[in-house]
C-alpha atoms as a PDB file:
ATOM      1  CA  UNK A   1      -2.379  -4.165 -11.339  1.00  0.00           C
ATOM      2  CA  UNK A   2       0.439  -3.606  -8.888  1.00  0.00           C
ATOM      3  CA  UNK A   3       3.942  -3.889 -10.328  1.00  0.00           C
ATOM      4  CA  UNK A   4       6.781  -5.831  -8.775  1.00  0.00           C
ATOM      5  CA  UNK A   5       8.526  -2.818  -7.192  1.00  0.00           C
ATOM      6  CA  UNK A   6       5.274  -1.549  -5.665  1.00  0.00           C
ATOM      7  CA  UNK A   7       4.512  -4.966  -4.182  1.00  0.00           C
ATOM      8  CA  UNK A   8       7.990  -5.224  -2.683  1.00  0.00           C
ATOM      9  CA  UNK A   9       7.744  -1.731  -1.203  1.00  0.00           C
ATOM     10  CA  UNK A  10       4.246  -2.334   0.194  1.00  0.00           C
ATOM     11  CA  UNK A  11       5.085  -5.681   1.791  1.00  0.00           C
ATOM     12  CA  UNK A  12       8.361  -4.298   3.194  1.00  0.00           C
ATOM     13  CA  UNK A  13       6.454  -1.446   4.836  1.00  0.00           C
ATOM     14  CA  UNK A  14       3.823  -3.817   6.207  1.00  0.00           C
ATOM     15  CA  UNK A  15       6.530  -6.045   7.679  1.00  0.00           C
ATOM     16  CA  UNK A  16       8.082  -3.043   9.439  1.00  0.00           C
ATOM     17  CA  UNK A  17       4.701  -2.202  10.971  1.00  0.00           C
ATOM     18  CA  UNK A  18       4.274  -5.842  11.944  1.00  0.00           C
ATOM     19  CA  UNK A  19       7.578  -5.771  13.820  1.00  0.00           C
ATOM     20  CA  UNK A  20       6.300  -2.809  15.844  1.00  0.00           C
ATOM     21  CA  UNK A  21       3.063  -4.661  16.665  1.00  0.00           C
ATOM     22  CA  UNK A  22       4.921  -7.814  17.678  1.00  0.00           C
ATOM     23  CA  UNK A  23       7.268  -5.816  19.912  1.00  0.00           C
ATOM     24  CA  UNK A  24       4.258  -4.177  21.574  1.00  0.00           C
ATOM     25  CA  UNK A  25       2.659  -7.568  22.129  1.00  0.00           C
ATOM     26  CA  UNK A  26       5.866  -8.953  23.624  1.00  0.00           C
ATOM     27  CA  UNK A  27       6.100  -6.032  26.042  1.00  0.00           C
ATOM     28  CA  UNK A  28       2.481  -6.479  27.089  1.00  0.00           C
ATOM     29  CA  UNK A  29       3.022 -10.210  27.510  1.00  0.00           C
ATOM     30  CA  UNK A  30       5.966  -9.493  29.808  1.00  0.00           C
ATOM     31  CA  UNK A  31       3.574  -7.601  32.093  1.00  0.00           C
ATOM     32  CA  UNK A  32       1.004 -10.398  32.452  1.00  0.00           C
ATOM     33  CA  UNK A  33       0.712 -13.364  34.781  1.00  0.00           C
ATOM     34  CA  UNK A  34       3.211 -16.192  34.396  1.00  0.00           C
ATOM     35  CA  UNK A  35       0.701 -18.659  32.893  1.00  0.00           C
ATOM     36  CA  UNK A  36      -0.484 -16.261  30.248  1.00  0.00           C
ATOM     37  CA  UNK A  37       2.992 -14.864  29.592  1.00  0.00           C
ATOM     38  CA  UNK A  38       4.394 -18.207  28.463  1.00  0.00           C
ATOM     39  CA  UNK A  39       1.415 -18.960  26.209  1.00  0.00           C
ATOM     40  CA  UNK A  40       1.615 -15.515  24.716  1.00  0.00           C
ATOM     41  CA  UNK A  41       5.348 -15.677  24.088  1.00  0.00           C
ATOM     42  CA  UNK A  42       4.888 -18.965  22.226  1.00  0.00           C
ATOM     43  CA  UNK A  43       2.211 -17.368  20.065  1.00  0.00           C
ATOM     44  CA  UNK A  44       4.416 -14.342  19.361  1.00  0.00           C
ATOM     45  CA  UNK A  45       7.322 -16.602  18.421  1.00  0.00           C
ATOM     46  CA  UNK A  46       5.087 -18.499  15.977  1.00  0.00           C
ATOM     47  CA  UNK A  47       4.100 -15.185  14.398  1.00  0.00           C
ATOM     48  CA  UNK A  48       7.751 -14.158  14.132  1.00  0.00           C
ATOM     49  CA  UNK A  49       8.494 -17.447  12.342  1.00  0.00           C
ATOM     50  CA  UNK A  50       5.684 -16.746   9.875  1.00  0.00           C
ATOM     51  CA  UNK A  51       7.104 -13.259   9.391  1.00  0.00           C
ATOM     52  CA  UNK A  52      10.495 -14.813   8.572  1.00  0.00           C
ATOM     53  CA  UNK A  53       8.781 -16.986   5.963  1.00  0.00           C
ATOM     54  CA  UNK A  54       7.262 -13.828   4.496  1.00  0.00           C
ATOM     55  CA  UNK A  55      10.692 -12.225   4.273  1.00  0.00           C
ATOM     56  CA  UNK A  56      11.972 -15.319   2.469  1.00  0.00           C
ATOM     57  CA  UNK A  57       9.086 -15.150  -0.017  1.00  0.00           C
ATOM     58  CA  UNK A  58       9.757 -11.472  -0.527  1.00  0.00           C
ATOM     59  CA  UNK A  59      13.408 -12.253  -1.265  1.00  0.00           C
ATOM     60  CA  UNK A  60      12.275 -14.788  -3.888  1.00  0.00           C
ATOM     61  CA  UNK A  61      10.116 -12.153  -5.521  1.00  0.00           C
ATOM     62  CA  UNK A  62      13.009  -9.686  -5.500  1.00  0.00           C
ATOM     63  CA  UNK A  63      15.192 -12.215  -7.288  1.00  0.00           C
ATOM     64  CA  UNK A  64      12.554 -13.441  -9.713  1.00  0.00           C
ATOM     65  CA  UNK A  65      12.177 -12.522 -13.339  1.00  0.00           C
ATOM     66  CA  UNK A  66       9.450 -10.124 -14.356  1.00  0.00           C
ATOM     67  CA  UNK A  67       7.331 -12.999 -15.608  1.00  0.00           C
ATOM     68  CA  UNK A  68       7.846 -15.335 -12.653  1.00  0.00           C
ATOM     69  CA  UNK A  69       7.091 -12.832  -9.880  1.00  0.00           C
ATOM     70  CA  UNK A  70       3.382 -12.761 -10.728  1.00  0.00           C
ATOM     71  CA  UNK A  71       3.139 -16.444  -9.801  1.00  0.00           C
ATOM     72  CA  UNK A  72       4.876 -15.750  -6.495  1.00  0.00           C
ATOM     73  CA  UNK A  73       2.616 -12.782  -5.820  1.00  0.00           C
ATOM     74  CA  UNK A  74      -0.511 -14.802  -5.008  1.00  0.00           C
ATOM     75  CA  UNK A  75       1.410 -16.894  -2.476  1.00  0.00           C
ATOM     76  CA  UNK A  76       2.815 -13.737  -0.929  1.00  0.00           C
ATOM     77  CA  UNK A  77      -0.617 -12.146  -0.638  1.00  0.00           C
ATOM     78  CA  UNK A  78      -2.082 -15.300   0.939  1.00  0.00           C
ATOM     79  CA  UNK A  79       0.790 -15.567   3.413  1.00  0.00           C
ATOM     80  CA  UNK A  80       0.456 -11.906   4.360  1.00  0.00           C
ATOM     81  CA  UNK A  81      -3.269 -12.310   4.936  1.00  0.00           C
ATOM     82  CA  UNK A  82      -2.728 -15.355   7.175  1.00  0.00           C
ATOM     83  CA  UNK A  83       0.009 -13.585   9.123  1.00  0.00           C
ATOM     84  CA  UNK A  84      -2.100 -10.475   9.650  1.00  0.00           C
ATOM     85  CA  UNK A  85      -5.047 -12.580  10.844  1.00  0.00           C
ATOM     86  CA  UNK A  86      -2.725 -14.309  13.317  1.00  0.00           C
ATOM     87  CA  UNK A  87      -1.492 -10.987  14.682  1.00  0.00           C
ATOM     88  CA  UNK A  88      -5.031  -9.638  14.961  1.00  0.00           C
ATOM     89  CA  UNK A  89      -6.099 -12.778  16.853  1.00  0.00           C
ATOM     90  CA  UNK A  90      -3.157 -12.445  19.225  1.00  0.00           C
ATOM     91  CA  UNK A  91      -4.016  -8.809  19.905  1.00  0.00           C
ATOM     92  CA  UNK A  92      -7.664  -9.700  20.478  1.00  0.00           C
ATOM     93  CA  UNK A  93      -6.734 -12.579  22.777  1.00  0.00           C
ATOM     94  CA  UNK A  94      -4.469 -10.336  24.799  1.00  0.00           C
ATOM     95  CA  UNK A  95      -7.167  -7.667  25.142  1.00  0.00           C
ATOM     96  CA  UNK A  96      -9.725 -10.255  26.289  1.00  0.00           C
ATOM     97  CA  UNK A  97      -7.319 -11.743  28.815  1.00  0.00           C
ATOM     98  CA  UNK A  98      -6.284  -8.307  30.060  1.00  0.00           C
ATOM     99  CA  UNK A  99      -9.921  -7.262  30.525  1.00  0.00           C
ATOM    100  CA  UNK A 100     -10.668 -10.525  32.397  1.00  0.00           C
ATOM    101  CA  UNK A 101      -7.733  -9.903  34.743  1.00  0.00           C
ATOM    102  CA  UNK A 102      -8.951  -6.375  35.466  1.00  0.00           C
ATOM    103  CA  UNK A 103     -12.447  -7.611  36.368  1.00  0.00           C
ATOM    104  CA  UNK A 104     -11.183 -10.319  38.754  1.00  0.00           C
END
């Protein structure tokens, strides 16, 4: 079973990678048509808000006692999973839209 320090380090690293992905998505969105750009920026902002919630949960884990952090862990894992799914969907949506624009 993963200890508290390992969980914090792993989630921190994943959040750094997520920031890179979100920045890439924002840059790609800036290069799309106006209609799609606005929709995409809203989606990216929603993902950034979820990321902020993850950071807040991570801070709670950092400040929790050794016994209490295990309860917070399951919520953290669920939130991370939901956030990652959201990012993957956004990437997929962008790829589909980009391919459609190229075929038009």
